[in-house]
Amino acid sequence: MPNPSTNDLNDPAWQVKALGTSAAELARRGQVEEATRVYEQILEAAPYHVEALDFLATRAYERGDTNLSLELLGRSFRANRDRPITYLNLGIVHKARGEHELALDAIEHALTLKNIFPMAELHKGSILEALGRRQEAVRAYHKAWAQASGFQQMLHSEQTPAPIRELLTHSSDMVRQAKVNLLDKALAPLRSQHYAAALQRVAEFSELYTGNIKPRYLHAMQRPAFLYFPDLQPRAFFERQDFDWVTELEATTASICDELLAVLQHPDKLKPYVQLAVESPAEWKELNNSLQWGSFHLYKGGARQAANCSLCPITTAAVENLPLISTPDHSPEVFFSILKPGTHIPPHNGLANYKLAVHLPLIVPADCAIRVGNETRSWNKGQCLIFDDSFQHEAWNNSSEMRAVLIFEIWNPQLSSAEQQAVKALLGCIQELEPEFGHASEIDAT
């Protein structure tokens, strides 16, 4: 950074900016009193400096002076009404004053300005709980924890203010107990129908979901992004000869390919497979909202896409005759996957190991392949490729032509019928607790 000139040193705006940088650094280091003095100095020169107003409003709240805190936040709003943190602070102050409806309104406004805002979700949960809206509170708490990877560290850090640690502990306990209650209710019919031995793995599966125990992964490269069913023998690839429905499906390859080619005559019907939030991981930057990896869904999130199915009647009939996995608001998931030339799908893990991904290859140029775990295979037209996508996997098309496969999901054959019913019951609980789950954009098949 260049040294300031004499003109800079005499410029009030430059002085305020320099003080603001200093105050922010002091606050970051935990030197709160020093930061407070610098922010107060800033306000003498710039009465509507929003960072100073927000910081000093928080300090006033911590001293119990909610009137001063509201006055400072009011000045902050007059300077800038589009700062999510200001609305969050306003909500916290109103909550402390027992003005819960005003607090909720402020928090909701913060969330409209910043969709991914776990601390706002956390305080929203506490406000909803104070209003007696317990189920909504649990959902807000759950969303906060799902969004914030740093909450666990904050929970155990001595630098975290005691009220925040207490709220983190309370919210975590609330979410865990809600999961336990929902699961007990959902699994009760199964427990009445089966001996305990038949549901032994289900009991551990439930404990994993509620967070009471940690997973014991059996393979270094198998890390489901969401749910892990215990004690399934880890296998990256499954052989097509082991499934009795494969022969009949593969016999329809030519007709399915013809329907795909007809769809491809209308490129506007394809959608980007990766559709993540702006804050998505860096590895998906190139493919996010890009038709480099396109899809045409017959089933999406468990819902039949009637218009698309009508364009592909042979394909639809063929897949609807298969033992597709069906879970509440999440599956079946059936679609054509189009990988344009020169496209690489980065390494990632699917959501769960209780299901398998099936590819029916339709258009397979040379120099295309998929790696699952430590094994790499190529696609062969008309021959199903079946794998557990909870293993780390990636795919690439290094050719000058498109690659196209039909993708759907089936149960992992290592699950019993009772265990399949248990997974459905658990996913039903998830829908009740976190209804956005079934509609979230997940990278779950390649």
Protein backbone atom coordinates (compact mmCIF):
# COMPACT_ATOMS: atom_id res chain seq x y z
CA MET A 1 0.00 0.00 0.00
CA PRO A 2 1.48 3.42 -0.94
CA ASN A 3 2.24 5.89 1.82
CA PRO A 4 -0.36 8.63 2.23
CA SER A 5 0.49 12.02 0.81
CA THR A 6 0.30 15.26 2.78
CA ASN A 7 -2.99 16.02 1.02
CA ASP A 8 -4.36 12.64 2.13
CA LEU A 9 -3.43 13.28 5.73
CA ASN A 10 -5.33 16.57 5.66
CA ASP A 11 -8.39 15.10 3.92
CA PRO A 12 -11.21 14.40 6.46
CA ALA A 13 -12.65 11.61 4.31
CA TRP A 14 -9.27 9.85 4.18
CA GLN A 15 -8.90 10.27 7.94
CA VAL A 16 -12.31 8.68 8.59
CA LYS A 17 -11.47 5.80 6.26
CA ALA A 18 -8.16 5.20 8.01
CA LEU A 19 -9.82 5.30 11.42
CA GLY A 20 -12.47 2.86 10.22
CA THR A 21 -9.80 0.41 9.08
CA SER A 22 -8.08 0.73 12.44
CA ALA A 23 -11.31 0.27 14.42
CA ALA A 24 -12.29 -2.80 12.42
CA GLU A 25 -8.89 -4.37 13.04
CA LEU A 26 -9.09 -3.64 16.76
CA ALA A 27 -12.55 -5.25 16.91
CA ARG A 28 -11.29 -8.28 15.00
CA ARG A 29 -8.52 -8.71 17.56
CA GLY A 30 -11.01 -8.55 20.40
CA GLN A 31 -9.78 -5.14 21.63
CA VAL A 32 -13.33 -3.93 22.10
CA GLU A 33 -12.70 -0.93 24.33
CA GLU A 34 -10.04 0.44 22.00
CA ALA A 35 -12.31 -0.13 18.99
CA THR A 36 -15.14 1.66 20.79
CA ARG A 37 -13.03 4.77 21.36
CA VAL A 38 -11.98 4.88 17.71
CA TYR A 39 -15.57 4.44 16.46
CA GLU A 40 -16.71 7.24 18.80
CA GLN A 41 -13.99 9.43 17.29
CA ILE A 42 -15.27 8.55 13.83
CA LEU A 43 -18.81 9.64 14.71
CA GLU A 44 -17.56 13.05 15.76
CA ALA A 45 -16.33 13.60 12.20
CA ALA A 46 -18.94 11.51 10.35
CA PRO A 47 -22.24 11.26 12.33
CA TYR A 48 -23.77 8.80 9.83
CA HIS A 49 -20.87 6.35 9.49
CA VAL A 50 -22.85 3.08 9.39
CA GLU A 51 -20.11 0.72 10.60
CA ALA A 52 -19.48 2.96 13.62
CA LEU A 53 -23.19 3.29 14.34
CA ASP A 54 -23.79 -0.46 14.14
CA PHE A 55 -20.79 -1.25 16.35
CA LEU A 56 -21.69 1.33 18.99
CA ALA A 57 -25.36 0.27 18.91
CA THR A 58 -24.22 -3.26 19.75
CA ARG A 59 -22.05 -1.96 22.58
CA ALA A 60 -24.98 0.04 24.00
CA TYR A 61 -27.18 -3.08 23.82
CA GLU A 62 -24.53 -5.10 25.68
CA ARG A 63 -24.56 -2.47 28.45
CA GLY A 64 -28.34 -2.73 28.67
CA ASP A 65 -28.97 0.70 27.15
CA THR A 66 -31.52 -0.35 24.53
CA ASN A 67 -32.82 3.21 24.09
CA LEU A 68 -29.40 4.44 22.95
CA SER A 69 -28.99 1.31 20.82
CA LEU A 70 -32.26 2.02 19.00
CA GLU A 71 -31.30 5.66 18.51
CA LEU A 72 -27.96 4.70 16.94
CA LEU A 73 -29.59 2.06 14.72
CA GLY A 74 -32.13 4.65 13.59
CA ARG A 75 -29.28 6.87 12.41
CA SER A 76 -27.73 3.90 10.67
CA PHE A 77 -30.98 3.25 8.79
CA ARG A 78 -31.13 6.87 7.67
CA ALA A 79 -27.67 6.40 6.16
CA ASN A 80 -28.28 3.01 4.55
CA ARG A 81 -31.44 0.90 4.66
CA ASP A 82 -29.91 -2.06 2.83
CA ARG A 83 -27.51 -3.43 5.46
CA PRO A 84 -28.62 -6.88 6.68
CA ILE A 85 -26.50 -6.60 9.84
CA THR A 86 -28.35 -3.43 10.88
CA TYR A 87 -31.69 -5.22 10.67
CA LEU A 88 -30.26 -8.16 12.62
CA ASN A 89 -29.05 -5.81 15.34
CA LEU A 90 -32.44 -4.08 15.42
CA GLY A 91 -34.15 -7.46 15.82
CA ILE A 92 -31.85 -8.41 18.69
CA VAL A 93 -32.57 -5.13 20.51
CA HIS A 94 -36.34 -5.47 20.06
CA LYS A 95 -36.12 -9.05 21.33
CA ALA A 96 -34.32 -7.85 24.47
CA ARG A 97 -37.10 -5.31 25.03
CA GLY A 98 -39.77 -8.04 24.71
CA GLU A 99 -41.01 -6.54 21.42
CA HIS A 100 -41.10 -9.87 19.65
CA GLU A 101 -43.27 -9.00 16.67
CA LEU A 102 -41.04 -6.00 15.87
CA ALA A 103 -37.99 -8.23 16.37
CA LEU A 104 -39.30 -10.86 13.98
CA ASP A 105 -40.14 -8.25 11.36
CA ALA A 106 -36.59 -6.88 11.51
CA ILE A 107 -35.01 -10.35 11.27
CA GLU A 108 -37.21 -11.28 8.32
CA HIS A 109 -36.09 -8.10 6.58
CA ALA A 110 -32.46 -9.04 7.19
CA LEU A 111 -33.10 -12.43 5.58
CA THR A 112 -34.70 -10.87 2.51
CA LEU A 113 -31.50 -8.87 2.03
CA LYS A 114 -29.18 -11.81 2.75
CA ASN A 115 -30.63 -15.23 2.09
CA ILE A 116 -27.75 -17.20 3.65
CA PHE A 117 -27.50 -15.61 7.10
CA PRO A 118 -27.19 -18.27 9.83
CA MET A 119 -26.91 -15.85 12.75
CA ALA A 120 -30.18 -14.21 11.69
CA GLU A 121 -31.81 -17.66 11.44
CA LEU A 122 -30.55 -18.45 14.94
CA HIS A 123 -32.12 -15.32 16.43
CA LYS A 124 -35.26 -15.86 14.36
CA GLY A 125 -35.62 -19.24 16.03
CA SER A 126 -35.37 -17.75 19.51
CA ILE A 127 -37.95 -15.08 18.65
CA LEU A 128 -40.38 -17.66 17.21
CA GLU A 129 -39.90 -19.77 20.32
CA ALA A 130 -40.73 -16.75 22.51
CA LEU A 131 -43.89 -16.27 20.44
CA GLY A 132 -44.91 -19.89 21.11
CA ARG A 133 -44.31 -20.98 17.50
CA ARG A 134 -42.16 -23.94 18.48
CA GLN A 135 -42.20 -25.95 15.24
CA GLU A 136 -41.21 -22.90 13.19
CA ALA A 137 -38.51 -22.15 15.75
CA VAL A 138 -37.00 -25.61 15.37
CA ARG A 139 -36.94 -25.20 11.58
CA ALA A 140 -35.16 -21.86 11.90
CA TYR A 141 -32.65 -23.35 14.34
CA HIS A 142 -32.05 -26.27 12.02
CA LYS A 143 -31.54 -23.97 9.04
CA ALA A 144 -29.07 -21.88 11.04
CA TRP A 145 -26.97 -24.92 11.94
CA ALA A 146 -27.17 -26.30 8.40
CA GLN A 147 -25.88 -23.03 6.96
CA ALA A 148 -23.14 -22.28 9.49
CA SER A 149 -20.09 -24.53 9.38
CA GLY A 150 -18.50 -22.47 12.15
CA PHE A 151 -21.18 -22.84 14.83
CA GLN A 152 -19.51 -25.85 16.45
CA GLN A 153 -16.27 -23.92 16.81
CA MET A 154 -18.14 -20.91 18.21
CA LEU A 155 -19.93 -23.15 20.69
CA HIS A 156 -16.64 -24.26 22.24
CA SER A 157 -14.74 -20.98 21.95
CA GLU A 158 -14.15 -18.89 25.06
CA GLN A 159 -14.23 -15.79 22.87
CA THR A 160 -17.88 -16.37 21.97
CA PRO A 161 -20.14 -14.20 24.17
CA ALA A 162 -21.94 -16.26 26.80
CA PRO A 163 -25.47 -15.41 25.51
CA ILE A 164 -24.53 -16.65 22.03
CA ARG A 165 -23.01 -19.86 23.44
CA GLU A 166 -26.19 -20.43 25.44
CA LEU A 167 -28.33 -19.88 22.34
CA LEU A 168 -26.16 -22.23 20.29
CA THR A 169 -26.41 -24.93 22.95
CA HIS A 170 -30.15 -24.49 23.35
CA SER A 171 -30.85 -24.46 19.61
CA SER A 172 -28.71 -27.56 19.04
CA ASP A 173 -30.56 -29.42 21.80
CA MET A 174 -33.91 -28.32 20.39
CA VAL A 175 -33.10 -29.58 16.90
CA ARG A 176 -31.73 -32.89 18.19
CA GLN A 177 -34.77 -33.54 20.36
CA ALA A 178 -37.13 -32.65 17.52
CA LYS A 179 -35.38 -35.20 15.31
CA VAL A 180 -35.61 -37.86 18.02
CA ASN A 181 -39.34 -37.22 18.56
CA LEU A 182 -40.14 -37.28 14.85
CA LEU A 183 -38.17 -40.49 14.29
CA ASP A 184 -39.74 -42.27 17.25
CA LYS A 185 -43.17 -41.48 15.87
CA ALA A 186 -42.29 -42.44 12.29
CA LEU A 187 -40.54 -45.69 13.15
CA ALA A 188 -43.11 -46.91 15.67
CA PRO A 189 -45.13 -48.89 13.05
CA LEU A 190 -41.96 -50.63 11.84
CA ARG A 191 -40.92 -51.53 15.36
CA SER A 192 -44.29 -53.17 15.93
CA GLN A 193 -43.91 -55.27 12.76
CA HIS A 194 -40.31 -56.45 13.02
CA TYR A 195 -38.00 -57.98 15.56
CA ALA A 196 -35.34 -55.70 16.98
CA ALA A 197 -32.60 -57.62 15.15
CA ALA A 198 -34.15 -56.70 11.78
CA LEU A 199 -33.91 -53.02 12.68
CA GLN A 200 -30.50 -53.05 14.33
CA ARG A 201 -28.86 -51.03 11.55
CA VAL A 202 -31.89 -48.73 11.46
CA ALA A 203 -31.32 -47.87 15.11
CA GLU A 204 -27.77 -46.78 14.32
CA PHE A 205 -28.96 -44.96 11.19
CA SER A 206 -31.37 -42.98 13.37
CA GLU A 207 -28.66 -42.17 15.90
CA LEU A 208 -26.44 -40.91 13.09
CA TYR A 209 -29.16 -38.60 11.80
CA THR A 210 -29.93 -37.16 15.21
CA GLY A 211 -26.23 -36.55 15.81
CA ASN A 212 -26.01 -38.76 18.90
CA ILE A 213 -23.18 -40.79 17.35
CA LYS A 214 -20.55 -40.23 14.67
CA PRO A 215 -20.38 -42.36 11.50
CA ARG A 216 -17.92 -45.24 11.26
CA TYR A 217 -17.01 -45.09 7.57
CA LEU A 218 -15.76 -48.36 6.12
CA HIS A 219 -13.96 -46.84 3.13
CA ALA A 220 -11.70 -43.80 3.00
CA MET A 221 -13.35 -42.44 -0.17
CA GLN A 222 -16.97 -42.95 0.87
CA ARG A 223 -18.34 -39.83 2.55
CA PRO A 224 -22.05 -39.27 1.83
CA ALA A 225 -22.83 -35.56 1.76
CA PHE A 226 -25.98 -36.03 3.85
CA LEU A 227 -27.00 -39.48 5.12
CA TYR A 228 -24.96 -42.57 5.86
CA PHE A 229 -26.58 -45.98 6.34
CA PRO A 230 -24.22 -48.05 8.52
CA ASP A 231 -22.60 -51.41 7.85
CA LEU A 232 -23.30 -51.62 4.12
CA GLN A 233 -20.34 -53.27 2.41
CA PRO A 234 -18.66 -50.40 0.53
CA ARG A 235 -18.60 -51.06 -3.21
CA ALA A 236 -17.86 -48.33 -5.74
CA PHE A 237 -19.26 -50.18 -8.77
CA PHE A 238 -21.96 -52.88 -8.95
CA GLU A 239 -22.14 -55.28 -11.88
CA ARG A 240 -25.08 -55.05 -14.28
CA GLN A 241 -25.40 -58.85 -14.48
CA ASP A 242 -26.55 -58.86 -10.85
CA PHE A 243 -29.82 -57.02 -11.60
CA ASP A 244 -32.62 -58.88 -13.36
CA TRP A 245 -34.23 -55.76 -14.89
CA VAL A 246 -31.10 -54.66 -16.79
CA THR A 247 -31.55 -56.82 -19.89
CA GLU A 248 -35.05 -55.51 -20.63
CA LEU A 249 -33.99 -51.90 -20.15
CA GLU A 250 -30.89 -52.22 -22.31
CA ALA A 251 -33.02 -53.69 -25.11
CA THR A 252 -34.81 -50.31 -25.40
CA THR A 253 -31.57 -48.33 -25.82
CA ALA A 254 -32.12 -47.47 -29.49
CA SER A 255 -35.67 -46.18 -28.91
CA ILE A 256 -34.61 -44.17 -25.85
CA CYS A 257 -31.72 -42.68 -27.82
CA ASP A 258 -34.12 -41.67 -30.61
CA GLU A 259 -36.30 -39.82 -28.10
CA LEU A 260 -33.27 -38.06 -26.66
CA LEU A 261 -32.16 -36.95 -30.15
CA ALA A 262 -35.62 -35.51 -30.74
CA VAL A 263 -35.38 -33.54 -27.47
CA LEU A 264 -31.96 -32.25 -28.45
CA GLN A 265 -33.52 -30.65 -31.53
CA HIS A 266 -34.93 -28.11 -29.05
CA PRO A 267 -31.93 -26.95 -26.95
CA ASP A 268 -34.16 -24.57 -24.95
CA LYS A 269 -35.68 -27.60 -23.24
CA LEU A 270 -32.38 -28.43 -21.52
CA LYS A 271 -31.64 -26.93 -18.11
CA PRO A 272 -28.29 -26.56 -16.29
CA TYR A 273 -27.92 -29.52 -13.96
CA VAL A 274 -25.95 -27.48 -11.45
CA GLN A 275 -28.11 -24.67 -10.07
CA LEU A 276 -26.58 -23.59 -6.79
CA ALA A 277 -26.74 -20.40 -4.75
CA VAL A 278 -24.32 -17.58 -5.45
CA GLU A 279 -22.37 -18.66 -2.37
CA SER A 280 -21.78 -22.11 -3.90
CA PRO A 281 -18.41 -23.87 -3.49
CA ALA A 282 -15.64 -22.64 -5.81
CA GLU A 283 -15.28 -26.01 -7.55
CA TRP A 284 -18.74 -25.58 -9.11
CA LYS A 285 -18.12 -22.08 -10.44
CA GLU A 286 -17.55 -23.21 -14.04
CA LEU A 287 -20.62 -25.47 -14.20
CA ASN A 288 -23.06 -23.48 -12.05
CA ASN A 289 -26.05 -22.44 -14.20
CA SER A 290 -24.15 -23.63 -17.28
CA LEU A 291 -25.40 -25.88 -20.08
CA GLN A 292 -21.94 -27.42 -20.29
CA TRP A 293 -23.67 -29.98 -18.05
CA GLY A 294 -27.29 -29.97 -19.08
CA SER A 295 -30.26 -32.08 -18.06
CA PHE A 296 -33.76 -32.97 -19.19
CA HIS A 297 -35.82 -34.37 -16.31
CA LEU A 298 -38.62 -36.91 -16.49
CA TYR A 299 -38.81 -37.02 -12.67
CA LYS A 300 -37.37 -34.31 -10.46
CA GLY A 301 -37.49 -34.27 -6.67
CA GLY A 302 -40.00 -37.12 -6.75
CA ALA A 303 -42.37 -35.23 -9.05
CA ARG A 304 -43.26 -36.51 -12.52
CA GLN A 305 -42.56 -33.88 -15.17
CA ALA A 306 -45.64 -34.52 -17.28
CA ALA A 307 -44.74 -32.29 -20.25
CA ASN A 308 -41.27 -33.83 -20.55
CA CYS A 309 -42.62 -37.36 -20.12
CA SER A 310 -45.07 -36.77 -22.96
CA LEU A 311 -42.11 -36.08 -25.28
CA CYS A 312 -40.43 -39.34 -24.28
CA PRO A 313 -43.18 -41.97 -23.89
CA ILE A 314 -40.95 -45.00 -24.53
CA THR A 315 -38.30 -43.82 -22.08
CA THR A 316 -40.93 -42.98 -19.48
CA ALA A 317 -42.61 -46.36 -19.78
CA ALA A 318 -39.26 -48.14 -19.55
CA VAL A 319 -38.13 -46.36 -16.37
CA GLU A 320 -41.53 -46.57 -14.70
CA ASN A 321 -41.25 -50.34 -15.04
CA LEU A 322 -38.01 -50.30 -13.02
CA PRO A 323 -37.53 -50.66 -9.24
CA LEU A 324 -36.85 -46.92 -8.84
CA ILE A 325 -36.15 -45.63 -5.36
CA SER A 326 -39.07 -43.58 -4.11
CA THR A 327 -38.72 -41.32 -1.07
CA PRO A 328 -40.80 -38.35 0.10
CA ASP A 329 -40.28 -35.25 -2.03
CA HIS A 330 -36.83 -36.33 -3.17
CA SER A 331 -36.99 -39.30 -5.50
CA PRO A 332 -37.48 -40.74 -8.09
CA GLU A 333 -34.97 -38.64 -9.95
CA VAL A 334 -34.80 -39.55 -13.66
CA PHE A 335 -33.12 -37.43 -16.33
CA PHE A 336 -30.98 -37.27 -19.43
CA SER A 337 -27.51 -35.96 -18.55
CA ILE A 338 -25.71 -34.09 -21.34
CA LEU A 339 -22.00 -33.38 -21.02
CA LYS A 340 -20.66 -31.06 -23.70
CA PRO A 341 -17.17 -31.48 -25.24
CA GLY A 342 -14.28 -30.50 -23.01
CA THR A 343 -16.35 -30.61 -19.81
CA HIS A 344 -15.06 -31.94 -16.50
CA ILE A 345 -17.32 -32.63 -13.52
CA PRO A 346 -15.12 -32.09 -10.45
CA PRO A 347 -14.74 -34.66 -7.65
CA HIS A 348 -17.72 -34.72 -5.29
CA ASN A 349 -19.84 -37.05 -3.17
CA GLY A 350 -23.53 -37.83 -3.55
CA LEU A 351 -26.04 -37.48 -0.75
CA ALA A 352 -26.37 -41.01 0.59
CA ASN A 353 -25.19 -44.62 0.34
CA TYR A 354 -28.61 -46.29 0.65
CA LYS A 355 -29.12 -45.80 -3.09
CA LEU A 356 -27.21 -46.45 -6.30
CA ALA A 357 -26.92 -44.35 -9.44
CA VAL A 358 -27.61 -46.08 -12.76
CA HIS A 359 -26.41 -44.78 -16.13
CA LEU A 360 -27.79 -46.07 -19.41
CA PRO A 361 -25.21 -44.75 -21.94
CA LEU A 362 -26.76 -43.37 -25.13
CA ILE A 363 -24.14 -41.18 -26.85
CA VAL A 364 -20.61 -42.14 -25.90
CA PRO A 365 -17.68 -40.64 -27.84
CA ALA A 366 -14.13 -41.74 -27.16
CA ASP A 367 -12.12 -40.19 -24.32
CA CYS A 368 -15.01 -40.05 -21.85
CA ALA A 369 -14.87 -41.73 -18.46
CA ILE A 370 -16.00 -41.71 -14.85
CA ARG A 371 -13.96 -42.34 -11.72
CA VAL A 372 -15.73 -43.68 -8.64
CA GLY A 373 -13.51 -44.16 -5.61
CA ASN A 374 -10.25 -45.57 -6.92
CA GLU A 375 -11.69 -47.14 -10.06
CA THR A 376 -12.17 -45.55 -13.49
CA ARG A 377 -14.53 -46.95 -16.12
CA SER A 378 -15.70 -45.88 -19.55
CA TRP A 379 -19.29 -45.94 -20.72
CA ASN A 380 -20.39 -48.43 -23.40
CA LYS A 381 -23.52 -47.58 -25.32
CA GLY A 382 -26.48 -49.64 -24.17
CA GLN A 383 -24.70 -51.20 -21.18
CA CYS A 384 -25.78 -49.96 -17.76
CA LEU A 385 -23.15 -48.59 -15.42
CA ILE A 386 -24.19 -48.88 -11.75
CA PHE A 387 -22.31 -47.26 -8.87
CA ASP A 388 -22.57 -45.86 -5.37
CA ASP A 389 -22.23 -42.11 -5.79
CA SER A 390 -21.60 -41.57 -2.08
CA PHE A 391 -18.02 -42.45 -3.05
CA GLN A 392 -16.02 -39.50 -4.30
CA HIS A 393 -16.49 -39.46 -8.06
CA GLU A 394 -15.81 -37.30 -11.09
CA ALA A 395 -16.45 -37.52 -14.84
CA TRP A 396 -15.03 -35.96 -17.98
CA ASN A 397 -15.66 -35.61 -21.68
CA ASN A 398 -12.38 -34.84 -23.41
CA SER A 399 -13.80 -35.52 -26.87
CA SER A 400 -15.15 -33.11 -29.49
CA GLU A 401 -18.71 -34.50 -29.19
CA MET A 402 -21.39 -34.56 -26.51
CA ARG A 403 -21.79 -37.39 -24.03
CA ALA A 404 -25.35 -38.36 -23.09
CA VAL A 405 -26.66 -40.88 -20.56
CA LEU A 406 -30.00 -41.62 -18.94
CA ILE A 407 -29.67 -41.48 -15.15
CA PHE A 408 -31.94 -42.89 -12.45
CA GLU A 409 -31.59 -44.32 -8.94
CA ILE A 410 -32.36 -47.64 -7.28
CA TRP A 411 -32.09 -48.96 -3.75
CA ASN A 412 -28.75 -50.33 -2.64
CA PRO A 413 -29.53 -54.08 -2.75
CA GLN A 414 -27.86 -54.57 0.64
CA LEU A 415 -30.87 -52.95 2.34
CA SER A 416 -33.73 -55.17 3.47
CA SER A 417 -37.34 -54.24 2.79
CA ALA A 418 -37.74 -53.13 6.41
CA GLU A 419 -34.66 -50.94 6.13
CA GLN A 420 -35.97 -49.36 2.96
CA GLN A 421 -39.19 -48.50 4.77
CA ALA A 422 -37.12 -47.01 7.60
CA VAL A 423 -35.21 -44.77 5.19
CA LYS A 424 -38.52 -43.55 3.75
CA ALA A 425 -39.79 -42.82 7.24
CA LEU A 426 -36.65 -40.90 8.13
CA LEU A 427 -36.82 -38.84 4.94
CA GLY A 428 -40.45 -38.07 5.76
CA CYS A 429 -39.22 -36.66 9.08
CA ILE A 430 -36.63 -34.60 7.27
CA GLN A 431 -39.34 -33.11 5.05
CA GLU A 432 -41.31 -32.13 8.13
CA LEU A 433 -38.32 -30.57 9.84
CA GLU A 434 -36.58 -29.09 6.80
CA PRO A 435 -39.08 -28.86 3.92
CA GLU A 436 -36.53 -27.21 1.63
CA PHE A 437 -34.48 -30.46 1.54
CA GLY A 438 -36.42 -32.09 -1.28
CA HIS A 439 -36.25 -29.02 -3.46
CA ALA A 440 -32.63 -28.08 -2.86
CA SER A 441 -30.23 -28.19 -5.80
CA GLU A 442 -27.87 -31.01 -4.90
CA ILE A 443 -25.00 -32.42 -6.94
CA ASP A 444 -26.10 -36.01 -6.58
CA ALA A 445 -25.41 -37.86 -9.81
CA THR A 446 -22.97 -37.67 -12.69
